[in-house]
Amino acid sequence: MTLAAEFYTGTRAKAPVLDIVRISNGQREHVETIHVISKREARAVAKGMGATPWNF
């Protein structure tokens, strides 16, 4: 089981978000969505939760 962090950049209408997912046997289970300001903050939050940055 792996805890992964996926960062999605924001647009004019949406803020950037960090999704925390649990990967087990190839299946992804959504755990939490966190609104962040930047990739820097997303990396810090992921590290604090023990999640591996997946796409950033």
N, C-alpha and C. Protein backbone atom coordinates (compact mmCIF):
# COMPACT_ATOMS: atom_id res chain seq x y z
N MET A 1 0.85 -1.17 0.00
CA MET A 1 0.00 0.00 0.00
C MET A 1 0.89 1.24 0.00
N THR A 2 0.59 2.15 -0.89
CA THR A 2 1.36 3.39 -1.02
C THR A 2 0.42 4.57 -0.88
N LEU A 3 0.85 5.57 -0.16
CA LEU A 3 0.12 6.82 -0.06
C LEU A 3 0.78 7.78 -1.04
N ALA A 4 0.02 8.26 -2.02
CA ALA A 4 0.56 9.13 -3.06
C ALA A 4 -0.12 10.49 -3.03
N ALA A 5 0.63 11.51 -3.42
CA ALA A 5 0.10 12.87 -3.50
C ALA A 5 0.12 13.30 -4.96
N GLU A 6 -1.02 13.75 -5.47
CA GLU A 6 -1.14 14.20 -6.85
C GLU A 6 -1.50 15.68 -6.86
N PHE A 7 -0.69 16.49 -7.54
CA PHE A 7 -0.90 17.93 -7.59
C PHE A 7 -1.58 18.31 -8.90
N TYR A 8 -2.61 19.14 -8.81
CA TYR A 8 -3.30 19.64 -9.99
C TYR A 8 -3.25 21.15 -9.97
N THR A 9 -2.71 21.74 -11.04
CA THR A 9 -2.56 23.19 -11.10
C THR A 9 -3.92 23.86 -11.19
N GLY A 10 -3.96 25.09 -10.74
CA GLY A 10 -5.21 25.84 -10.76
C GLY A 10 -5.44 26.54 -12.09
N THR A 11 -6.63 27.03 -12.24
CA THR A 11 -7.00 27.84 -13.39
C THR A 11 -7.56 29.16 -12.86
N ARG A 12 -8.10 29.96 -13.74
CA ARG A 12 -8.71 31.19 -13.29
C ARG A 12 -9.90 30.94 -12.36
N ALA A 13 -10.61 29.86 -12.61
CA ALA A 13 -11.82 29.55 -11.84
C ALA A 13 -11.58 28.59 -10.67
N LYS A 14 -10.48 27.85 -10.70
CA LYS A 14 -10.23 26.85 -9.66
C LYS A 14 -8.86 27.05 -9.03
N ALA A 15 -8.78 26.82 -7.74
CA ALA A 15 -7.51 26.90 -7.01
C ALA A 15 -6.73 25.60 -7.21
N PRO A 16 -5.40 25.65 -7.08
CA PRO A 16 -4.62 24.42 -7.16
C PRO A 16 -4.98 23.48 -6.00
N VAL A 17 -4.98 22.19 -6.27
CA VAL A 17 -5.33 21.22 -5.23
C VAL A 17 -4.30 20.10 -5.16
N LEU A 18 -4.25 19.48 -4.01
CA LEU A 18 -3.42 18.32 -3.77
C LEU A 18 -4.35 17.19 -3.37
N ASP A 19 -4.37 16.13 -4.16
CA ASP A 19 -5.17 14.95 -3.86
C ASP A 19 -4.28 13.90 -3.22
N ILE A 20 -4.73 13.36 -2.11
CA ILE A 20 -4.02 12.26 -1.44
C ILE A 20 -4.79 10.99 -1.77
N VAL A 21 -4.09 10.01 -2.36
CA VAL A 21 -4.72 8.74 -2.74
C VAL A 21 -3.93 7.58 -2.16
N ARG A 22 -4.61 6.49 -1.90
CA ARG A 22 -3.99 5.26 -1.42
C ARG A 22 -3.99 4.28 -2.59
N ILE A 23 -2.81 3.76 -2.94
CA ILE A 23 -2.68 2.82 -4.05
C ILE A 23 -2.44 1.44 -3.46
N SER A 24 -3.33 0.51 -3.77
CA SER A 24 -3.22 -0.85 -3.28
C SER A 24 -3.68 -1.80 -4.38
N ASN A 25 -2.82 -2.71 -4.78
CA ASN A 25 -3.12 -3.68 -5.85
C ASN A 25 -3.55 -3.00 -7.14
N GLY A 26 -2.94 -1.87 -7.45
CA GLY A 26 -3.25 -1.15 -8.68
C GLY A 26 -4.51 -0.33 -8.62
N GLN A 27 -5.23 -0.37 -7.53
CA GLN A 27 -6.46 0.41 -7.37
C GLN A 27 -6.17 1.69 -6.60
N ARG A 28 -6.75 2.79 -7.04
CA ARG A 28 -6.57 4.08 -6.37
C ARG A 28 -7.83 4.40 -5.56
N GLU A 29 -7.61 4.69 -4.28
CA GLU A 29 -8.71 5.05 -3.40
C GLU A 29 -8.47 6.48 -2.92
N HIS A 30 -9.41 7.37 -3.23
CA HIS A 30 -9.27 8.77 -2.84
C HIS A 30 -9.36 8.90 -1.33
N VAL A 31 -8.41 9.63 -0.73
CA VAL A 31 -8.39 9.80 0.71
C VAL A 31 -8.80 11.22 1.09
N GLU A 32 -8.17 12.22 0.45
CA GLU A 32 -8.41 13.60 0.86
C GLU A 32 -8.01 14.56 -0.26
N THR A 33 -8.69 15.71 -0.33
CA THR A 33 -8.34 16.79 -1.24
C THR A 33 -8.02 18.02 -0.40
N ILE A 34 -6.87 18.63 -0.68
CA ILE A 34 -6.41 19.79 0.08
C ILE A 34 -6.13 20.94 -0.88
N HIS A 35 -6.69 22.11 -0.62
CA HIS A 35 -6.41 23.30 -1.43
C HIS A 35 -5.07 23.87 -1.00
N VAL A 36 -4.19 24.11 -1.98
CA VAL A 36 -2.86 24.65 -1.70
C VAL A 36 -2.63 25.89 -2.54
N ILE A 37 -1.54 26.59 -2.27
CA ILE A 37 -1.21 27.81 -3.00
C ILE A 37 -0.24 27.52 -4.15
N SER A 38 0.73 26.63 -3.91
CA SER A 38 1.75 26.36 -4.91
C SER A 38 2.29 24.94 -4.76
N LYS A 39 3.19 24.56 -5.69
CA LYS A 39 3.83 23.25 -5.60
C LYS A 39 4.68 23.14 -4.35
N ARG A 40 5.28 24.23 -3.97
CA ARG A 40 6.13 24.23 -2.77
C ARG A 40 5.30 23.83 -1.54
N GLU A 41 4.14 24.45 -1.40
CA GLU A 41 3.26 24.10 -0.27
C GLU A 41 2.76 22.67 -0.40
N ALA A 42 2.45 22.25 -1.62
CA ALA A 42 1.97 20.88 -1.86
C ALA A 42 3.01 19.85 -1.44
N ARG A 43 4.29 20.11 -1.76
CA ARG A 43 5.35 19.19 -1.35
C ARG A 43 5.47 19.11 0.17
N ALA A 44 5.35 20.26 0.83
CA ALA A 44 5.43 20.29 2.29
C ALA A 44 4.27 19.52 2.93
N VAL A 45 3.07 19.70 2.41
CA VAL A 45 1.91 18.99 2.94
C VAL A 45 2.05 17.49 2.71
N ALA A 46 2.49 17.11 1.50
CA ALA A 46 2.67 15.68 1.19
C ALA A 46 3.69 15.06 2.13
N LYS A 47 4.80 15.75 2.36
CA LYS A 47 5.83 15.23 3.25
C LYS A 47 5.29 15.09 4.67
N GLY A 48 4.51 16.06 5.12
CA GLY A 48 3.93 16.00 6.45
C GLY A 48 2.96 14.85 6.63
N MET A 49 2.30 14.45 5.55
CA MET A 49 1.34 13.33 5.63
C MET A 49 2.01 11.99 5.34
N GLY A 50 3.28 12.01 4.95
CA GLY A 50 3.98 10.77 4.64
C GLY A 50 3.63 10.23 3.27
N ALA A 51 3.16 11.09 2.37
CA ALA A 51 2.78 10.67 1.02
C ALA A 51 3.92 10.95 0.05
N THR A 52 4.03 10.11 -0.97
CA THR A 52 5.04 10.28 -2.01
C THR A 52 4.51 11.20 -3.10
N PRO A 53 5.22 12.30 -3.44
CA PRO A 53 4.78 13.15 -4.56
C PRO A 53 4.75 12.31 -5.84
N TRP A 54 3.61 12.26 -6.51
CA TRP A 54 3.42 11.35 -7.63
C TRP A 54 3.66 12.01 -8.98
N ASN A 55 3.15 13.22 -9.16
CA ASN A 55 3.27 13.85 -10.48
C ASN A 55 3.86 15.25 -10.40
N PHE A 56 4.64 15.53 -9.38
CA PHE A 56 5.29 16.84 -9.29
C PHE A 56 6.58 16.74 -8.51
